[in-house]
Each structure stands twice: as structure tokens, then as C-alpha cells.
């Protein structure tokens, strides 16, 4: 999972550098905006994967340990991701 996330983030990093280059070259705004939308989507996918892993491991372990306050923490995090 970690390798997959790092690989995706490396691709996103490259896309960001590409967008910077497009702006420096005065590329047509619509093309730049489409690339920004692609990066946002890719970053959202990384967030979903990380959230799933977090819920399947960290959250389950903490609930099993009786740390039910982790549910409130998770809800705050999910709300941030959904903005």
C-alpha cells in the first residue's frame, strides 16, 4: 500500500511540475485548468486509498482497544476530505 501511494504521489508531483511549466509558457488557460482538475482527481484518489487503509487498520485497532473517541476524529477527517 505504501509503495502504491508513493508511486501515485510521485506522478502527481510530476503533473504539478508540468502545470507550472504550462503556466510559465503562457499555455491556454483551459488546458491548464484541465490539468489542474486531473491533479485534483488523482490527489482525491490517494486520499481515498489512504482513508480506506486507515479505517481498516488504525481505526479498527483503536476501537478494539476501547478508544471510541477515534470515531469523532475520523468524522472530522472525512469532513475535511469532502470539502
N, C-alpha and C. Protein backbone atom coordinates (compact mmCIF):
# COMPACT_ATOMS: atom_id res chain seq x y z
N UNK A 1 0.82 -1.19 0.00
CA UNK A 1 0.00 0.00 0.00
C UNK A 1 0.87 1.26 0.00
N UNK A 2 1.88 1.29 0.87
CA UNK A 2 2.76 2.45 0.95
C UNK A 2 3.43 2.73 -0.40
N UNK A 3 3.94 1.68 -1.04
CA UNK A 3 4.58 1.84 -2.34
C UNK A 3 3.63 2.39 -3.38
N UNK A 4 2.40 1.92 -3.37
CA UNK A 4 1.38 2.38 -4.30
C UNK A 4 1.10 3.87 -4.08
N UNK A 5 0.96 4.27 -2.83
CA UNK A 5 0.69 5.67 -2.52
C UNK A 5 1.86 6.56 -2.94
N UNK A 6 3.07 6.12 -2.65
CA UNK A 6 4.26 6.90 -3.02
C UNK A 6 4.36 7.04 -4.53
N UNK A 7 4.08 5.96 -5.24
CA UNK A 7 4.12 6.00 -6.70
C UNK A 7 3.10 6.99 -7.25
N UNK A 8 1.89 6.95 -6.71
CA UNK A 8 0.85 7.89 -7.16
C UNK A 8 1.25 9.33 -6.85
N UNK A 9 1.81 9.55 -5.66
CA UNK A 9 2.23 10.90 -5.30
C UNK A 9 3.38 11.39 -6.17
N UNK A 10 4.26 10.50 -6.57
CA UNK A 10 5.34 10.88 -7.49
C UNK A 10 4.77 11.33 -8.83
N UNK A 11 3.74 10.61 -9.31
CA UNK A 11 3.10 11.01 -10.57
C UNK A 11 2.43 12.37 -10.42
N UNK A 12 1.76 12.58 -9.29
CA UNK A 12 1.10 13.86 -9.05
C UNK A 12 2.13 14.98 -8.99
N UNK A 13 3.24 14.72 -8.35
CA UNK A 13 4.32 15.70 -8.27
C UNK A 13 4.79 16.09 -9.68
N UNK A 14 4.92 15.10 -10.55
CA UNK A 14 5.30 15.38 -11.93
C UNK A 14 4.25 16.19 -12.66
N UNK A 15 2.97 15.88 -12.39
CA UNK A 15 1.89 16.65 -13.02
C UNK A 15 1.93 18.11 -12.56
N UNK A 16 2.21 18.32 -11.28
CA UNK A 16 2.29 19.69 -10.75
C UNK A 16 3.42 20.46 -11.43
N UNK A 17 4.57 19.80 -11.58
CA UNK A 17 5.68 20.46 -12.28
C UNK A 17 5.28 20.77 -13.72
N UNK A 18 4.52 19.86 -14.33
CA UNK A 18 4.05 20.10 -15.69
C UNK A 18 3.13 21.31 -15.77
N UNK A 19 2.25 21.44 -14.80
CA UNK A 19 1.34 22.59 -14.76
C UNK A 19 2.14 23.88 -14.60
N UNK A 20 3.13 23.85 -13.74
CA UNK A 20 3.98 25.03 -13.56
C UNK A 20 4.62 25.42 -14.89
N UNK A 21 5.10 24.41 -15.62
CA UNK A 21 5.70 24.67 -16.93
C UNK A 21 4.71 25.25 -17.91
N UNK A 22 3.47 24.75 -17.87
CA UNK A 22 2.44 25.28 -18.77
C UNK A 22 2.17 26.75 -18.48
N UNK A 23 2.12 27.09 -17.21
CA UNK A 23 1.88 28.48 -16.83
C UNK A 23 3.05 29.36 -17.25
N UNK A 24 4.27 28.87 -17.03
CA UNK A 24 5.46 29.64 -17.44
C UNK A 24 5.48 29.87 -18.95
N UNK A 25 4.91 28.95 -19.72
CA UNK A 25 4.89 29.06 -21.18
C UNK A 25 3.65 29.78 -21.70
N UNK A 26 2.85 30.32 -20.78
CA UNK A 26 1.61 31.02 -21.15
C UNK A 26 0.67 30.14 -21.96
N UNK A 27 0.53 28.89 -21.56
CA UNK A 27 -0.37 27.95 -22.23
C UNK A 27 -1.81 28.41 -22.04
N UNK A 28 -2.63 28.09 -23.01
CA UNK A 28 -4.06 28.42 -22.98
C UNK A 28 -4.67 27.98 -21.65
N UNK A 29 -5.37 28.91 -21.00
CA UNK A 29 -5.88 28.69 -19.64
C UNK A 29 -6.73 27.42 -19.50
N UNK A 30 -7.56 27.13 -20.47
CA UNK A 30 -8.43 25.95 -20.39
C UNK A 30 -7.60 24.67 -20.29
N UNK A 31 -6.50 24.61 -21.01
CA UNK A 31 -5.63 23.44 -20.95
C UNK A 31 -5.01 23.29 -19.55
N UNK A 32 -4.62 24.42 -18.97
CA UNK A 32 -4.03 24.39 -17.62
C UNK A 32 -5.09 23.96 -16.61
N UNK A 33 -6.27 24.50 -16.74
CA UNK A 33 -7.36 24.16 -15.82
C UNK A 33 -7.71 22.67 -15.90
N UNK A 34 -7.68 22.12 -17.09
CA UNK A 34 -7.93 20.68 -17.24
C UNK A 34 -6.86 19.85 -16.55
N UNK A 35 -5.63 20.30 -16.61
CA UNK A 35 -4.55 19.59 -15.92
C UNK A 35 -4.70 19.71 -14.40
N UNK A 36 -5.14 20.86 -13.94
CA UNK A 36 -5.38 21.05 -12.50
C UNK A 36 -6.49 20.11 -12.04
N UNK A 37 -7.54 19.99 -12.82
CA UNK A 37 -8.65 19.08 -12.49
C UNK A 37 -8.15 17.63 -12.40
N UNK A 38 -7.25 17.26 -13.31
CA UNK A 38 -6.70 15.90 -13.29
C UNK A 38 -5.89 15.66 -12.02
N UNK A 39 -5.11 16.65 -11.61
CA UNK A 39 -4.31 16.53 -10.38
C UNK A 39 -5.23 16.43 -9.17
N UNK A 40 -6.27 17.24 -9.13
CA UNK A 40 -7.20 17.19 -8.01
C UNK A 40 -7.85 15.82 -7.91
N UNK A 41 -8.22 15.26 -9.03
CA UNK A 41 -8.82 13.93 -9.05
C UNK A 41 -7.83 12.87 -8.57
N UNK A 42 -6.61 12.96 -9.04
CA UNK A 42 -5.57 12.00 -8.64
C UNK A 42 -5.29 12.10 -7.14
N UNK A 43 -5.23 13.31 -6.63
CA UNK A 43 -4.99 13.50 -5.20
C UNK A 43 -6.16 12.98 -4.38
N UNK A 44 -7.37 13.17 -4.89
CA UNK A 44 -8.55 12.62 -4.22
C UNK A 44 -8.49 11.10 -4.14
N UNK A 45 -8.00 10.47 -5.19
CA UNK A 45 -7.86 9.01 -5.20
C UNK A 45 -6.85 8.55 -4.15
N UNK A 46 -5.76 9.28 -4.02
CA UNK A 46 -4.76 8.95 -3.00
C UNK A 46 -5.39 9.08 -1.61
N UNK A 47 -6.15 10.14 -1.41
CA UNK A 47 -6.82 10.33 -0.13
C UNK A 47 -7.79 9.20 0.20
N UNK A 48 -8.54 8.75 -0.79
CA UNK A 48 -9.49 7.66 -0.57
C UNK A 48 -8.77 6.37 -0.21
N UNK A 49 -7.70 6.07 -0.91
CA UNK A 49 -6.93 4.86 -0.61
C UNK A 49 -6.34 4.91 0.80
N UNK A 50 -5.79 6.06 1.16
CA UNK A 50 -5.20 6.21 2.48
C UNK A 50 -6.27 6.11 3.56
N UNK A 51 -7.42 6.73 3.32
CA UNK A 51 -8.53 6.66 4.27
C UNK A 51 -8.99 5.22 4.46
N UNK A 52 -9.11 4.49 3.37
CA UNK A 52 -9.52 3.08 3.47
C UNK A 52 -8.53 2.28 4.31
N UNK A 53 -7.26 2.45 4.05
CA UNK A 53 -6.24 1.74 4.81
C UNK A 53 -6.27 2.14 6.28
N UNK A 54 -6.47 3.42 6.53
CA UNK A 54 -6.54 3.94 7.90
C UNK A 54 -7.72 3.31 8.65
N UNK A 55 -8.85 3.23 7.96
CA UNK A 55 -10.04 2.67 8.60
C UNK A 55 -9.89 1.18 8.87
N UNK A 56 -9.27 0.48 7.94
CA UNK A 56 -9.11 -0.98 8.09
C UNK A 56 -8.06 -1.36 9.13
N UNK A 57 -7.16 -0.46 9.43
CA UNK A 57 -6.10 -0.81 10.39
C UNK A 57 -6.19 0.05 11.65
N UNK A 58 -5.75 1.27 11.57
CA UNK A 58 -5.65 2.14 12.74
C UNK A 58 -6.99 2.31 13.47
N UNK A 59 -8.04 2.60 12.74
CA UNK A 59 -9.34 2.83 13.36
C UNK A 59 -9.86 1.56 14.04
N UNK A 60 -9.80 0.44 13.34
CA UNK A 60 -10.26 -0.82 13.91
C UNK A 60 -9.48 -1.16 15.18
N UNK A 61 -8.17 -1.00 15.13
CA UNK A 61 -7.33 -1.31 16.29
C UNK A 61 -7.68 -0.43 17.49
N UNK A 62 -7.91 0.84 17.23
CA UNK A 62 -8.22 1.75 18.34
C UNK A 62 -9.60 1.48 18.92
N UNK A 63 -10.56 1.14 18.08
CA UNK A 63 -11.90 0.79 18.59
C UNK A 63 -11.82 -0.48 19.42
N UNK A 64 -11.07 -1.45 18.92
CA UNK A 64 -10.91 -2.70 19.68
C UNK A 64 -10.21 -2.46 21.02
N UNK A 65 -9.39 -1.43 21.09
CA UNK A 65 -8.70 -1.08 22.33
C UNK A 65 -9.58 -0.21 23.24
N UNK A 66 -10.82 0.04 22.81
CA UNK A 66 -11.74 0.82 23.62
C UNK A 66 -11.63 2.32 23.43
N UNK A 67 -10.87 2.76 22.46
CA UNK A 67 -10.68 4.19 22.20
C UNK A 67 -11.74 4.70 21.22
N UNK A 68 -12.97 4.76 21.68
CA UNK A 68 -14.09 5.13 20.81
C UNK A 68 -14.05 6.58 20.34
N UNK A 69 -13.25 7.43 21.00
CA UNK A 69 -13.13 8.82 20.56
C UNK A 69 -12.52 8.92 19.16
N UNK A 70 -11.92 7.83 18.71
CA UNK A 70 -11.33 7.82 17.37
C UNK A 70 -12.41 8.01 16.30
N UNK A 71 -13.63 7.66 16.60
CA UNK A 71 -14.72 7.84 15.64
C UNK A 71 -14.94 9.34 15.38
N UNK A 72 -14.91 10.14 16.43
CA UNK A 72 -15.05 11.59 16.25
C UNK A 72 -13.89 12.14 15.43
N UNK A 73 -12.69 11.66 15.71
CA UNK A 73 -11.51 12.08 14.96
C UNK A 73 -11.67 11.73 13.48
N UNK A 74 -12.16 10.53 13.22
CA UNK A 74 -12.36 10.08 11.85
C UNK A 74 -13.40 10.94 11.14
N UNK A 75 -14.48 11.28 11.82
CA UNK A 75 -15.52 12.11 11.21
C UNK A 75 -14.99 13.49 10.84
N UNK A 76 -14.15 14.07 11.68
CA UNK A 76 -13.54 15.36 11.37
C UNK A 76 -12.68 15.24 10.11
N UNK A 77 -11.90 14.16 10.05
CA UNK A 77 -11.02 13.94 8.90
C UNK A 77 -11.82 13.74 7.62
N UNK A 78 -12.87 12.95 7.68
CA UNK A 78 -13.71 12.71 6.50
C UNK A 78 -14.34 14.02 6.04
N UNK A 79 -14.81 14.83 6.96
CA UNK A 79 -15.39 16.13 6.58
C UNK A 79 -14.37 17.02 5.88
N UNK A 80 -13.13 17.00 6.33
CA UNK A 80 -12.07 17.79 5.68
C UNK A 80 -11.84 17.28 4.26
N UNK A 81 -11.83 15.96 4.10
CA UNK A 81 -11.59 15.38 2.77
C UNK A 81 -12.74 15.68 1.80
N UNK A 82 -13.92 15.86 2.32
CA UNK A 82 -15.10 16.06 1.47
C UNK A 82 -15.32 17.51 1.08
N UNK A 83 -14.53 18.42 1.60
CA UNK A 83 -14.69 19.85 1.25
C UNK A 83 -14.38 20.10 -0.19
